[in-house]
Amino acid sequence: MRRSILILVLAVVLIGGGFLMITLLTSGPQGALPVRIQTDNPEASTVMATPTQALAFVVFALIVFGSLAGGGVVLSLIFRFLDREITRNRQE
């Protein structure tokens, strides 16, 4: 019960933060939450990405997730073989 309430509160906070971020990004200088636009250059923007930047991000994200998944597989194999050896030695 307590864990589900914590997860629910965390989800509500994250969704609220997302709505606040969308409001900030779309409001512009005259919006409800004024934001100062520093540059229109997409190379220097924190909101827009050039195709090269987007491709670099996707490649980097794929490498990171692939490394995490590969590390998880390697660790699971190591623990599986160790567990098998432990059970074999306990039976002897």
N, C-alpha and C. Protein backbone atom coordinates (compact mmCIF):
# COMPACT_ATOMS: atom_id res chain seq x y z
N MET A 1 0.83 -1.19 0.00
CA MET A 1 0.00 0.00 0.00
C MET A 1 0.87 1.25 0.00
N ARG A 2 1.86 1.27 0.89
CA ARG A 2 2.72 2.43 1.00
C ARG A 2 3.57 2.63 -0.26
N ARG A 3 4.01 1.52 -0.84
CA ARG A 3 4.81 1.59 -2.05
C ARG A 3 3.99 2.11 -3.22
N SER A 4 2.75 1.68 -3.33
CA SER A 4 1.90 2.15 -4.43
C SER A 4 1.59 3.64 -4.30
N ILE A 5 1.42 4.12 -3.07
CA ILE A 5 1.18 5.55 -2.87
C ILE A 5 2.43 6.34 -3.25
N LEU A 6 3.60 5.83 -2.90
CA LEU A 6 4.85 6.49 -3.26
C LEU A 6 5.00 6.55 -4.78
N ILE A 7 4.71 5.47 -5.45
CA ILE A 7 4.81 5.44 -6.91
C ILE A 7 3.80 6.39 -7.54
N LEU A 8 2.61 6.44 -6.99
CA LEU A 8 1.58 7.35 -7.51
C LEU A 8 1.99 8.80 -7.32
N VAL A 9 2.50 9.15 -6.14
CA VAL A 9 2.95 10.52 -5.89
C VAL A 9 4.11 10.88 -6.82
N LEU A 10 5.04 9.96 -7.01
CA LEU A 10 6.16 10.19 -7.90
C LEU A 10 5.69 10.41 -9.34
N ALA A 11 4.72 9.62 -9.79
CA ALA A 11 4.18 9.78 -11.15
C ALA A 11 3.50 11.14 -11.30
N VAL A 12 2.73 11.56 -10.29
CA VAL A 12 2.05 12.86 -10.35
C VAL A 12 3.06 14.00 -10.40
N VAL A 13 4.13 13.90 -9.62
CA VAL A 13 5.16 14.94 -9.62
C VAL A 13 5.86 14.99 -10.98
N LEU A 14 6.17 13.84 -11.55
CA LEU A 14 6.82 13.82 -12.86
C LEU A 14 5.92 14.36 -13.96
N ILE A 15 4.64 14.00 -13.92
CA ILE A 15 3.69 14.52 -14.92
C ILE A 15 3.53 16.02 -14.76
N GLY A 16 3.45 16.51 -13.52
CA GLY A 16 3.36 17.95 -13.28
C GLY A 16 4.60 18.68 -13.78
N GLY A 17 5.76 18.11 -13.57
CA GLY A 17 6.99 18.70 -14.08
C GLY A 17 7.01 18.74 -15.60
N GLY A 18 6.47 17.71 -16.22
CA GLY A 18 6.38 17.69 -17.69
C GLY A 18 5.47 18.78 -18.21
N PHE A 19 4.32 18.96 -17.56
CA PHE A 19 3.41 20.03 -17.98
C PHE A 19 4.03 21.40 -17.76
N LEU A 20 4.77 21.58 -16.67
CA LEU A 20 5.44 22.85 -16.43
C LEU A 20 6.50 23.11 -17.50
N MET A 21 7.24 22.07 -17.87
CA MET A 21 8.26 22.23 -18.91
C MET A 21 7.64 22.57 -20.26
N ILE A 22 6.53 21.91 -20.61
CA ILE A 22 5.85 22.22 -21.86
C ILE A 22 5.33 23.65 -21.84
N THR A 23 4.80 24.09 -20.72
CA THR A 23 4.30 25.46 -20.60
C THR A 23 5.44 26.46 -20.78
N LEU A 24 6.58 26.18 -20.17
CA LEU A 24 7.73 27.07 -20.30
C LEU A 24 8.23 27.13 -21.74
N LEU A 25 8.27 25.98 -22.40
CA LEU A 25 8.83 25.94 -23.75
C LEU A 25 7.90 26.57 -24.78
N THR A 26 6.61 26.46 -24.59
CA THR A 26 5.68 26.97 -25.60
C THR A 26 5.17 28.38 -25.31
N SER A 27 5.39 28.89 -24.11
CA SER A 27 4.82 30.19 -23.77
C SER A 27 5.56 31.34 -24.43
N GLY A 28 6.87 31.25 -24.53
CA GLY A 28 7.64 32.34 -25.11
C GLY A 28 7.75 33.51 -24.14
N PRO A 29 8.25 34.64 -24.63
CA PRO A 29 8.49 35.78 -23.74
C PRO A 29 7.20 36.41 -23.19
N GLN A 30 6.07 36.33 -23.89
CA GLN A 30 4.83 36.95 -23.42
C GLN A 30 3.87 35.94 -22.77
N GLY A 31 4.32 34.77 -22.43
CA GLY A 31 3.44 33.76 -21.88
C GLY A 31 3.19 33.95 -20.39
N ALA A 32 2.47 32.99 -19.82
CA ALA A 32 2.15 33.03 -18.39
C ALA A 32 3.42 32.95 -17.55
N LEU A 33 4.36 32.16 -18.02
CA LEU A 33 5.66 32.06 -17.35
C LEU A 33 6.71 32.59 -18.33
N PRO A 34 7.06 33.87 -18.23
CA PRO A 34 7.93 34.45 -19.25
C PRO A 34 9.32 33.83 -19.24
N VAL A 35 9.81 33.57 -20.43
CA VAL A 35 11.13 32.99 -20.62
C VAL A 35 11.89 33.89 -21.57
N ARG A 36 13.11 34.18 -21.26
CA ARG A 36 13.92 35.00 -22.15
C ARG A 36 14.56 34.13 -23.20
N ILE A 37 14.28 34.39 -24.46
CA ILE A 37 14.88 33.65 -25.56
C ILE A 37 16.28 34.23 -25.79
N GLN A 38 17.30 33.40 -25.64
CA GLN A 38 18.66 33.91 -25.76
C GLN A 38 19.17 33.85 -27.19
N THR A 39 18.75 32.85 -27.95
CA THR A 39 19.25 32.72 -29.31
C THR A 39 18.23 32.00 -30.18
N ASP A 40 18.27 32.30 -31.46
CA ASP A 40 17.45 31.57 -32.44
C ASP A 40 18.27 30.55 -33.20
N ASN A 41 19.54 30.48 -32.91
CA ASN A 41 20.43 29.54 -33.58
C ASN A 41 20.17 28.13 -33.07
N PRO A 42 19.76 27.20 -33.95
CA PRO A 42 19.47 25.84 -33.47
C PRO A 42 20.69 25.10 -32.93
N GLU A 43 21.89 25.51 -33.33
CA GLU A 43 23.10 24.87 -32.82
C GLU A 43 23.31 25.17 -31.34
N ALA A 44 22.81 26.31 -30.88
CA ALA A 44 23.02 26.73 -29.50
C ALA A 44 21.76 26.59 -28.65
N SER A 45 20.67 26.12 -29.22
CA SER A 45 19.40 26.05 -28.52
C SER A 45 19.34 24.83 -27.62
N THR A 46 18.65 24.98 -26.48
CA THR A 46 18.42 23.83 -25.60
C THR A 46 17.09 23.16 -25.91
N VAL A 47 16.31 23.74 -26.82
CA VAL A 47 15.00 23.20 -27.16
C VAL A 47 15.02 22.48 -28.50
N MET A 48 15.69 23.06 -29.49
CA MET A 48 15.73 22.48 -30.82
C MET A 48 17.05 21.75 -31.03
N ALA A 49 17.04 20.77 -31.90
CA ALA A 49 18.26 20.04 -32.23
C ALA A 49 18.39 19.96 -33.74
N THR A 50 19.61 20.09 -34.20
CA THR A 50 19.86 19.90 -35.62
C THR A 50 19.83 18.40 -35.92
N PRO A 51 19.68 18.01 -37.18
CA PRO A 51 19.69 16.57 -37.49
C PRO A 51 20.96 15.86 -37.03
N THR A 52 22.08 16.52 -37.12
CA THR A 52 23.33 15.90 -36.67
C THR A 52 23.33 15.68 -35.17
N GLN A 53 22.85 16.65 -34.42
CA GLN A 53 22.78 16.51 -32.96
C GLN A 53 21.80 15.42 -32.56
N ALA A 54 20.67 15.35 -33.27
CA ALA A 54 19.68 14.32 -32.97
C ALA A 54 20.23 12.93 -33.26
N LEU A 55 20.93 12.78 -34.37
CA LEU A 55 21.53 11.49 -34.71
C LEU A 55 22.59 11.09 -33.69
N ALA A 56 23.42 12.05 -33.26
CA ALA A 56 24.43 11.76 -32.25
C ALA A 56 23.79 11.33 -30.94
N PHE A 57 22.69 11.98 -30.57
CA PHE A 57 22.00 11.60 -29.33
C PHE A 57 21.43 10.19 -29.43
N VAL A 58 20.80 9.87 -30.56
CA VAL A 58 20.21 8.53 -30.72
C VAL A 58 21.30 7.47 -30.69
N VAL A 59 22.41 7.70 -31.37
CA VAL A 59 23.51 6.73 -31.37
C VAL A 59 24.06 6.56 -29.96
N PHE A 60 24.28 7.67 -29.26
CA PHE A 60 24.78 7.60 -27.89
C PHE A 60 23.81 6.84 -26.99
N ALA A 61 22.51 7.13 -27.11
CA ALA A 61 21.51 6.45 -26.28
C ALA A 61 21.48 4.96 -26.57
N LEU A 62 21.59 4.58 -27.84
CA LEU A 62 21.61 3.15 -28.20
C LEU A 62 22.85 2.46 -27.62
N ILE A 63 23.99 3.14 -27.67
CA ILE A 63 25.21 2.55 -27.10
C ILE A 63 25.06 2.37 -25.60
N VAL A 64 24.51 3.37 -24.92
CA VAL A 64 24.35 3.28 -23.47
C VAL A 64 23.38 2.16 -23.10
N PHE A 65 22.23 2.10 -23.75
CA PHE A 65 21.26 1.06 -23.43
C PHE A 65 21.78 -0.33 -23.81
N GLY A 66 22.50 -0.41 -24.91
CA GLY A 66 23.11 -1.70 -25.28
C GLY A 66 24.14 -2.15 -24.27
N SER A 67 24.92 -1.21 -23.77
CA SER A 67 25.92 -1.55 -22.75
C SER A 67 25.25 -2.00 -21.46
N LEU A 68 24.18 -1.32 -21.07
CA LEU A 68 23.45 -1.73 -19.86
C LEU A 68 22.85 -3.12 -20.01
N ALA A 69 22.24 -3.36 -21.15
CA ALA A 69 21.63 -4.68 -21.38
C ALA A 69 22.71 -5.76 -21.45
N GLY A 70 23.81 -5.48 -22.12
CA GLY A 70 24.91 -6.44 -22.20
C GLY A 70 25.51 -6.74 -20.85
N GLY A 71 25.68 -5.69 -20.04
CA GLY A 71 26.20 -5.90 -18.69
C GLY A 71 25.25 -6.73 -17.84
N GLY A 72 23.96 -6.49 -18.01
CA GLY A 72 22.97 -7.29 -17.27
C GLY A 72 23.00 -8.75 -17.67
N VAL A 73 23.15 -9.00 -18.96
CA VAL A 73 23.22 -10.39 -19.44
C VAL A 73 24.46 -11.08 -18.90
N VAL A 74 25.59 -10.39 -18.96
CA VAL A 74 26.84 -10.98 -18.45
C VAL A 74 26.73 -11.27 -16.95
N LEU A 75 26.21 -10.32 -16.18
CA LEU A 75 26.06 -10.56 -14.74
C LEU A 75 25.09 -11.69 -14.45
N SER A 76 23.99 -11.77 -15.21
CA SER A 76 23.05 -12.87 -14.97
C SER A 76 23.67 -14.22 -15.30
N LEU A 77 24.48 -14.28 -16.35
CA LEU A 77 25.17 -15.55 -16.66
C LEU A 77 26.17 -15.92 -15.57
N ILE A 78 26.92 -14.94 -15.08
CA ILE A 78 27.89 -15.21 -14.02
C ILE A 78 27.19 -15.74 -12.77
N PHE A 79 26.11 -15.08 -12.36
CA PHE A 79 25.41 -15.52 -11.16
C PHE A 79 24.72 -16.86 -11.37
N ARG A 80 24.25 -17.12 -12.58
CA ARG A 80 23.61 -18.42 -12.84
C ARG A 80 24.63 -19.55 -12.73
N PHE A 81 25.82 -19.35 -13.33
CA PHE A 81 26.84 -20.39 -13.23
C PHE A 81 27.35 -20.55 -11.81
N LEU A 82 27.50 -19.44 -11.08
CA LEU A 82 27.92 -19.55 -9.68
C LEU A 82 26.87 -20.27 -8.84
N ASP A 83 25.60 -19.98 -9.07
CA ASP A 83 24.54 -20.64 -8.33
C ASP A 83 24.51 -22.14 -8.65
N ARG A 84 24.73 -22.48 -9.91
CA ARG A 84 24.75 -23.88 -10.30
C ARG A 84 25.90 -24.62 -9.62
N GLU A 85 27.07 -23.99 -9.54
CA GLU A 85 28.21 -24.62 -8.88
C GLU A 85 27.97 -24.74 -7.38
N ILE A 86 27.35 -23.76 -6.77
CA ILE A 86 27.08 -23.82 -5.33
C ILE A 86 26.11 -24.95 -5.02
N THR A 87 25.04 -25.07 -5.81
CA THR A 87 24.09 -26.16 -5.56
C THR A 87 24.72 -27.52 -5.82
N ARG A 88 25.59 -27.60 -6.81
CA ARG A 88 26.27 -28.88 -7.09
C ARG A 88 27.20 -29.25 -5.93
N ASN A 89 27.93 -28.28 -5.38
CA ASN A 89 28.84 -28.57 -4.27
C ASN A 89 28.10 -28.88 -2.99
N ARG A 90 26.92 -28.27 -2.78
CA ARG A 90 26.14 -28.58 -1.58
C ARG A 90 25.56 -29.98 -1.63
N GLN A 91 25.25 -30.47 -2.81
CA GLN A 91 24.70 -31.83 -2.94
C GLN A 91 25.76 -32.89 -2.72
N GLU A 92 27.02 -32.56 -2.95
CA GLU A 92 28.10 -33.55 -2.77
C GLU A 92 28.53 -33.66 -1.36
